[in-house]
Amino acid sequence: MNKEWIKLVMAAFFEVGWVIGLKHADQLLDWAATALAIVVSFYYLIASGKKLPVGTAYAVFTGLGAAGTVLAEIVLFDAPVAWGKITLIAVLLSGVIGLKLLNDKEGA
C-alpha cells in the first residue's frame, strides 16, 4: 500500500472519530478533540486526493468512514448488532477494496 492510500485510511480513521464526537461530545475537551479530528481527517483526505483520483478517494473515505462508524458504535457503545447492516457493510467494504485493486491496475 503506497503512501497516498495510507493517508486515505488515516483520513477515514479520523472521520470515525469526529463523527462519533459529534454524537457523543458533551464537554469542551470532547468538542476540541472532535474539531481536531475534523481538521486531521480533511487534511489527510486532501493530501491523498492530490495523487489519487478524487472520486475514488472520496468513495473510499466515505465507505471506510461509514463502516468504521457503525462498527465503533457496536463495539464502543453497545449498539445493537443488525445482521442486515453487517452484511451491507461487508458489501460496502468489498466495493472499497475493489476500487483500491482497480486503481492499482491502472497504476495510481
N, C-alpha and C. Protein backbone atom coordinates (compact mmCIF):
# COMPACT_ATOMS: atom_id res chain seq x y z
N MET A 1 0.86 -1.17 0.00
CA MET A 1 0.00 0.00 0.00
C MET A 1 0.90 1.23 0.00
N ASN A 2 0.67 2.09 -0.97
CA ASN A 2 1.54 3.26 -1.03
C ASN A 2 1.11 4.36 -0.05
N LYS A 3 1.91 5.38 0.01
CA LYS A 3 1.74 6.46 1.00
C LYS A 3 0.38 7.16 0.86
N GLU A 4 -0.10 7.34 -0.35
CA GLU A 4 -1.37 8.05 -0.54
C GLU A 4 -2.55 7.25 0.00
N TRP A 5 -2.50 5.95 -0.16
CA TRP A 5 -3.56 5.11 0.38
C TRP A 5 -3.52 5.07 1.90
N ILE A 6 -2.35 5.11 2.46
CA ILE A 6 -2.23 5.17 3.93
C ILE A 6 -2.82 6.47 4.45
N LYS A 7 -2.56 7.58 3.74
CA LYS A 7 -3.17 8.86 4.12
C LYS A 7 -4.69 8.77 4.07
N LEU A 8 -5.20 8.10 3.06
CA LEU A 8 -6.65 7.98 2.91
C LEU A 8 -7.25 7.14 4.04
N VAL A 9 -6.60 6.07 4.42
CA VAL A 9 -7.07 5.25 5.53
C VAL A 9 -7.01 6.05 6.83
N MET A 10 -5.96 6.84 7.01
CA MET A 10 -5.87 7.70 8.19
C MET A 10 -7.02 8.72 8.21
N ALA A 11 -7.33 9.28 7.04
CA ALA A 11 -8.44 10.23 6.95
C ALA A 11 -9.74 9.57 7.40
N ALA A 12 -9.98 8.35 6.95
CA ALA A 12 -11.19 7.64 7.33
C ALA A 12 -11.20 7.32 8.83
N PHE A 13 -10.04 6.95 9.37
CA PHE A 13 -9.93 6.67 10.81
C PHE A 13 -10.34 7.90 11.62
N PHE A 14 -9.81 9.05 11.25
CA PHE A 14 -10.15 10.28 11.97
C PHE A 14 -11.59 10.70 11.70
N GLU A 15 -12.12 10.32 10.53
CA GLU A 15 -13.53 10.61 10.26
C GLU A 15 -14.42 9.88 11.27
N VAL A 16 -14.10 8.64 11.53
CA VAL A 16 -14.87 7.88 12.52
C VAL A 16 -14.83 8.61 13.86
N GLY A 17 -13.66 9.12 14.23
CA GLY A 17 -13.52 9.85 15.49
C GLY A 17 -14.39 11.08 15.56
N TRP A 18 -14.39 11.88 14.48
CA TRP A 18 -15.18 13.10 14.57
C TRP A 18 -16.68 12.85 14.44
N VAL A 19 -17.07 11.83 13.70
CA VAL A 19 -18.50 11.53 13.61
C VAL A 19 -19.02 11.06 14.97
N ILE A 20 -18.26 10.21 15.63
CA ILE A 20 -18.65 9.77 16.97
C ILE A 20 -18.63 10.96 17.93
N GLY A 21 -17.64 11.83 17.78
CA GLY A 21 -17.57 13.02 18.61
C GLY A 21 -18.77 13.92 18.45
N LEU A 22 -19.26 14.06 17.23
CA LEU A 22 -20.44 14.91 17.01
C LEU A 22 -21.65 14.38 17.78
N LYS A 23 -21.74 13.07 17.91
CA LYS A 23 -22.88 12.50 18.62
C LYS A 23 -22.68 12.48 20.13
N HIS A 24 -21.47 12.20 20.58
CA HIS A 24 -21.26 11.92 22.00
C HIS A 24 -20.54 13.02 22.78
N ALA A 25 -20.03 14.03 22.14
CA ALA A 25 -19.29 15.08 22.87
C ALA A 25 -20.25 15.89 23.73
N ASP A 26 -19.83 16.11 24.97
CA ASP A 26 -20.65 16.93 25.85
C ASP A 26 -19.82 17.84 26.75
N GLN A 27 -18.51 17.81 26.58
CA GLN A 27 -17.64 18.68 27.34
C GLN A 27 -16.70 19.40 26.37
N LEU A 28 -16.11 20.47 26.83
CA LEU A 28 -15.23 21.27 25.98
C LEU A 28 -14.08 20.45 25.40
N LEU A 29 -13.47 19.61 26.23
CA LEU A 29 -12.36 18.78 25.75
C LEU A 29 -12.82 17.81 24.66
N ASP A 30 -14.01 17.25 24.81
CA ASP A 30 -14.58 16.36 23.79
C ASP A 30 -14.77 17.11 22.48
N TRP A 31 -15.31 18.32 22.57
CA TRP A 31 -15.54 19.12 21.36
C TRP A 31 -14.22 19.54 20.72
N ALA A 32 -13.21 19.82 21.53
CA ALA A 32 -11.89 20.17 20.99
C ALA A 32 -11.29 18.97 20.25
N ALA A 33 -11.41 17.79 20.83
CA ALA A 33 -10.91 16.57 20.17
C ALA A 33 -11.68 16.31 18.87
N THR A 34 -12.97 16.56 18.88
CA THR A 34 -13.79 16.39 17.67
C THR A 34 -13.33 17.35 16.58
N ALA A 35 -13.12 18.61 16.95
CA ALA A 35 -12.65 19.61 15.97
C ALA A 35 -11.28 19.23 15.42
N LEU A 36 -10.40 18.76 16.28
CA LEU A 36 -9.07 18.33 15.83
C LEU A 36 -9.19 17.15 14.87
N ALA A 37 -10.06 16.20 15.17
CA ALA A 37 -10.26 15.06 14.29
C ALA A 37 -10.78 15.49 12.93
N ILE A 38 -11.65 16.50 12.89
CA ILE A 38 -12.15 17.02 11.61
C ILE A 38 -11.00 17.59 10.79
N VAL A 39 -10.18 18.40 11.42
CA VAL A 39 -9.05 19.02 10.72
C VAL A 39 -8.09 17.96 10.19
N VAL A 40 -7.72 17.01 11.03
CA VAL A 40 -6.78 15.96 10.62
C VAL A 40 -7.38 15.10 9.52
N SER A 41 -8.65 14.75 9.67
CA SER A 41 -9.32 13.92 8.67
C SER A 41 -9.30 14.58 7.29
N PHE A 42 -9.69 15.84 7.23
CA PHE A 42 -9.74 16.51 5.94
C PHE A 42 -8.35 16.84 5.41
N TYR A 43 -7.39 17.05 6.29
CA TYR A 43 -6.02 17.24 5.84
C TYR A 43 -5.54 16.01 5.07
N TYR A 44 -5.73 14.83 5.68
CA TYR A 44 -5.29 13.59 5.02
C TYR A 44 -6.10 13.31 3.76
N LEU A 45 -7.38 13.60 3.77
CA LEU A 45 -8.20 13.40 2.57
C LEU A 45 -7.71 14.29 1.42
N ILE A 46 -7.47 15.54 1.70
CA ILE A 46 -6.99 16.48 0.68
C ILE A 46 -5.60 16.07 0.20
N ALA A 47 -4.74 15.66 1.13
CA ALA A 47 -3.38 15.25 0.75
C ALA A 47 -3.41 14.02 -0.14
N SER A 48 -4.26 13.06 0.17
CA SER A 48 -4.33 11.85 -0.66
C SER A 48 -4.96 12.15 -2.01
N GLY A 49 -5.89 13.10 -2.04
CA GLY A 49 -6.56 13.45 -3.29
C GLY A 49 -5.67 14.15 -4.30
N LYS A 50 -4.50 14.58 -3.87
CA LYS A 50 -3.57 15.22 -4.81
C LYS A 50 -2.96 14.20 -5.76
N LYS A 51 -2.88 12.94 -5.33
CA LYS A 51 -2.28 11.89 -6.18
C LYS A 51 -3.30 10.86 -6.63
N LEU A 52 -4.30 10.58 -5.80
CA LEU A 52 -5.32 9.58 -6.16
C LEU A 52 -6.46 10.27 -6.90
N PRO A 53 -7.19 9.53 -7.74
CA PRO A 53 -8.38 10.11 -8.36
C PRO A 53 -9.36 10.57 -7.27
N VAL A 54 -9.88 11.76 -7.41
CA VAL A 54 -10.72 12.35 -6.36
C VAL A 54 -11.97 11.51 -6.10
N GLY A 55 -12.62 11.03 -7.14
CA GLY A 55 -13.82 10.21 -6.97
C GLY A 55 -13.53 8.95 -6.19
N THR A 56 -12.45 8.29 -6.51
CA THR A 56 -12.05 7.09 -5.80
C THR A 56 -11.71 7.40 -4.35
N ALA A 57 -10.93 8.46 -4.14
CA ALA A 57 -10.53 8.83 -2.78
C ALA A 57 -11.76 9.14 -1.93
N TYR A 58 -12.71 9.89 -2.49
CA TYR A 58 -13.89 10.25 -1.71
C TYR A 58 -14.77 9.03 -1.43
N ALA A 59 -14.91 8.15 -2.41
CA ALA A 59 -15.71 6.94 -2.20
C ALA A 59 -15.10 6.06 -1.11
N VAL A 60 -13.79 5.91 -1.13
CA VAL A 60 -13.10 5.10 -0.12
C VAL A 60 -13.22 5.78 1.25
N PHE A 61 -13.03 7.09 1.29
CA PHE A 61 -13.12 7.86 2.53
C PHE A 61 -14.49 7.68 3.18
N THR A 62 -15.54 7.88 2.41
CA THR A 62 -16.89 7.78 2.98
C THR A 62 -17.26 6.34 3.30
N GLY A 63 -16.82 5.40 2.46
CA GLY A 63 -17.13 3.99 2.71
C GLY A 63 -16.47 3.48 3.98
N LEU A 64 -15.17 3.73 4.10
CA LEU A 64 -14.47 3.30 5.32
C LEU A 64 -14.99 4.04 6.54
N GLY A 65 -15.29 5.31 6.38
CA GLY A 65 -15.82 6.09 7.50
C GLY A 65 -17.17 5.57 7.97
N ALA A 66 -18.04 5.27 7.02
CA ALA A 66 -19.37 4.75 7.38
C ALA A 66 -19.25 3.39 8.06
N ALA A 67 -18.45 2.50 7.48
CA ALA A 67 -18.28 1.18 8.06
C ALA A 67 -17.63 1.27 9.44
N GLY A 68 -16.61 2.09 9.56
CA GLY A 68 -15.93 2.26 10.84
C GLY A 68 -16.84 2.84 11.91
N THR A 69 -17.68 3.78 11.53
CA THR A 69 -18.59 4.40 12.48
C THR A 69 -19.61 3.39 13.00
N VAL A 70 -20.17 2.61 12.11
CA VAL A 70 -21.15 1.59 12.53
C VAL A 70 -20.48 0.57 13.45
N LEU A 71 -19.31 0.11 13.07
CA LEU A 71 -18.61 -0.87 13.90
C LEU A 71 -18.18 -0.29 15.25
N ALA A 72 -17.75 0.96 15.25
CA ALA A 72 -17.37 1.61 16.51
C ALA A 72 -18.57 1.76 17.43
N GLU A 73 -19.72 2.10 16.88
CA GLU A 73 -20.93 2.21 17.70
C GLU A 73 -21.28 0.87 18.34
N ILE A 74 -21.09 -0.21 17.57
CA ILE A 74 -21.39 -1.55 18.11
C ILE A 74 -20.39 -1.91 19.20
N VAL A 75 -19.11 -1.70 18.93
CA VAL A 75 -18.07 -2.13 19.87
C VAL A 75 -17.97 -1.22 21.09
N LEU A 76 -18.00 0.09 20.87
CA LEU A 76 -17.76 1.04 21.96
C LEU A 76 -19.01 1.45 22.73
N PHE A 77 -20.15 1.45 22.06
CA PHE A 77 -21.36 1.99 22.69
C PHE A 77 -22.51 1.00 22.74
N ASP A 78 -22.20 -0.28 22.54
CA ASP A 78 -23.19 -1.35 22.66
C ASP A 78 -24.44 -1.14 21.81
N ALA A 79 -24.25 -0.61 20.62
CA ALA A 79 -25.37 -0.50 19.69
C ALA A 79 -25.79 -1.91 19.29
N PRO A 80 -27.06 -2.12 19.03
CA PRO A 80 -27.49 -3.47 18.66
C PRO A 80 -26.87 -3.91 17.33
N VAL A 81 -26.56 -5.19 17.25
CA VAL A 81 -25.99 -5.76 16.02
C VAL A 81 -27.14 -6.18 15.12
N ALA A 82 -27.23 -5.54 13.99
CA ALA A 82 -28.23 -5.92 12.99
C ALA A 82 -27.49 -6.61 11.85
N TRP A 83 -27.78 -7.89 11.64
CA TRP A 83 -27.02 -8.66 10.66
C TRP A 83 -27.20 -8.14 9.25
N GLY A 84 -28.34 -7.55 8.96
CA GLY A 84 -28.52 -6.92 7.65
C GLY A 84 -27.55 -5.76 7.47
N LYS A 85 -27.36 -4.99 8.53
CA LYS A 85 -26.43 -3.87 8.49
C LYS A 85 -24.99 -4.36 8.32
N ILE A 86 -24.64 -5.43 9.02
CA ILE A 86 -23.30 -6.00 8.91
C ILE A 86 -23.07 -6.52 7.49
N THR A 87 -24.07 -7.16 6.93
CA THR A 87 -23.96 -7.66 5.55
C THR A 87 -23.74 -6.52 4.57
N LEU A 88 -24.49 -5.44 4.73
CA LEU A 88 -24.34 -4.30 3.83
C LEU A 88 -22.98 -3.62 4.01
N ILE A 89 -22.46 -3.59 5.22
CA ILE A 89 -21.12 -3.05 5.45
C ILE A 89 -20.09 -3.92 4.72
N ALA A 90 -20.27 -5.23 4.75
CA ALA A 90 -19.36 -6.12 4.04
C ALA A 90 -19.41 -5.85 2.54
N VAL A 91 -20.59 -5.61 2.01
CA VAL A 91 -20.73 -5.27 0.58
C VAL A 91 -20.03 -3.94 0.30
N LEU A 92 -20.23 -2.97 1.17
CA LEU A 92 -19.59 -1.66 1.02
C LEU A 92 -18.07 -1.80 1.03
N LEU A 93 -17.55 -2.56 1.98
CA LEU A 93 -16.10 -2.74 2.07
C LEU A 93 -15.55 -3.50 0.87
N SER A 94 -16.32 -4.42 0.32
CA SER A 94 -15.85 -5.11 -0.88
C SER A 94 -15.76 -4.13 -2.05
N GLY A 95 -16.66 -3.17 -2.11
CA GLY A 95 -16.56 -2.13 -3.14
C GLY A 95 -15.33 -1.25 -2.94
N VAL A 96 -15.05 -0.90 -1.70
CA VAL A 96 -13.85 -0.09 -1.39
C VAL A 96 -12.58 -0.85 -1.78
N ILE A 97 -12.53 -2.13 -1.43
CA ILE A 97 -11.37 -2.95 -1.79
C ILE A 97 -11.27 -3.07 -3.31
N GLY A 98 -12.41 -3.22 -3.97
CA GLY A 98 -12.42 -3.29 -5.43
C GLY A 98 -11.88 -2.01 -6.06
N LEU A 99 -12.26 -0.87 -5.52
CA LEU A 99 -11.73 0.41 -6.04
C LEU A 99 -10.22 0.47 -5.87
N LYS A 100 -9.72 0.02 -4.73
CA LYS A 100 -8.28 0.01 -4.50
C LYS A 100 -7.57 -0.89 -5.50
N LEU A 101 -8.10 -2.09 -5.69
CA LEU A 101 -7.48 -3.04 -6.63
C LEU A 101 -7.53 -2.52 -8.06
N LEU A 102 -8.65 -1.94 -8.44
CA LEU A 102 -8.78 -1.37 -9.78
C LEU A 102 -7.80 -0.22 -9.98
N ASN A 103 -7.65 0.60 -8.97
CA ASN A 103 -6.71 1.73 -9.03
C ASN A 103 -5.28 1.23 -9.17
N ASP A 104 -4.94 0.13 -8.46
CA ASP A 104 -3.60 -0.44 -8.58
C ASP A 104 -3.32 -0.92 -9.99
N LYS A 105 -4.33 -1.51 -10.63
CA LYS A 105 -4.15 -1.98 -12.01
C LYS A 105 -3.93 -0.83 -12.98
N GLU A 106 -4.56 0.31 -12.68
CA GLU A 106 -4.42 1.48 -13.56
C GLU A 106 -3.14 2.24 -13.29
N GLY A 107 -2.43 1.88 -12.25
CA GLY A 107 -1.13 2.49 -11.97
C GLY A 107 -1.14 3.72 -11.10
N ALA A 108 -2.22 3.96 -10.35
CA ALA A 108 -2.26 5.14 -9.48
C ALA A 108 -1.83 4.79 -8.08
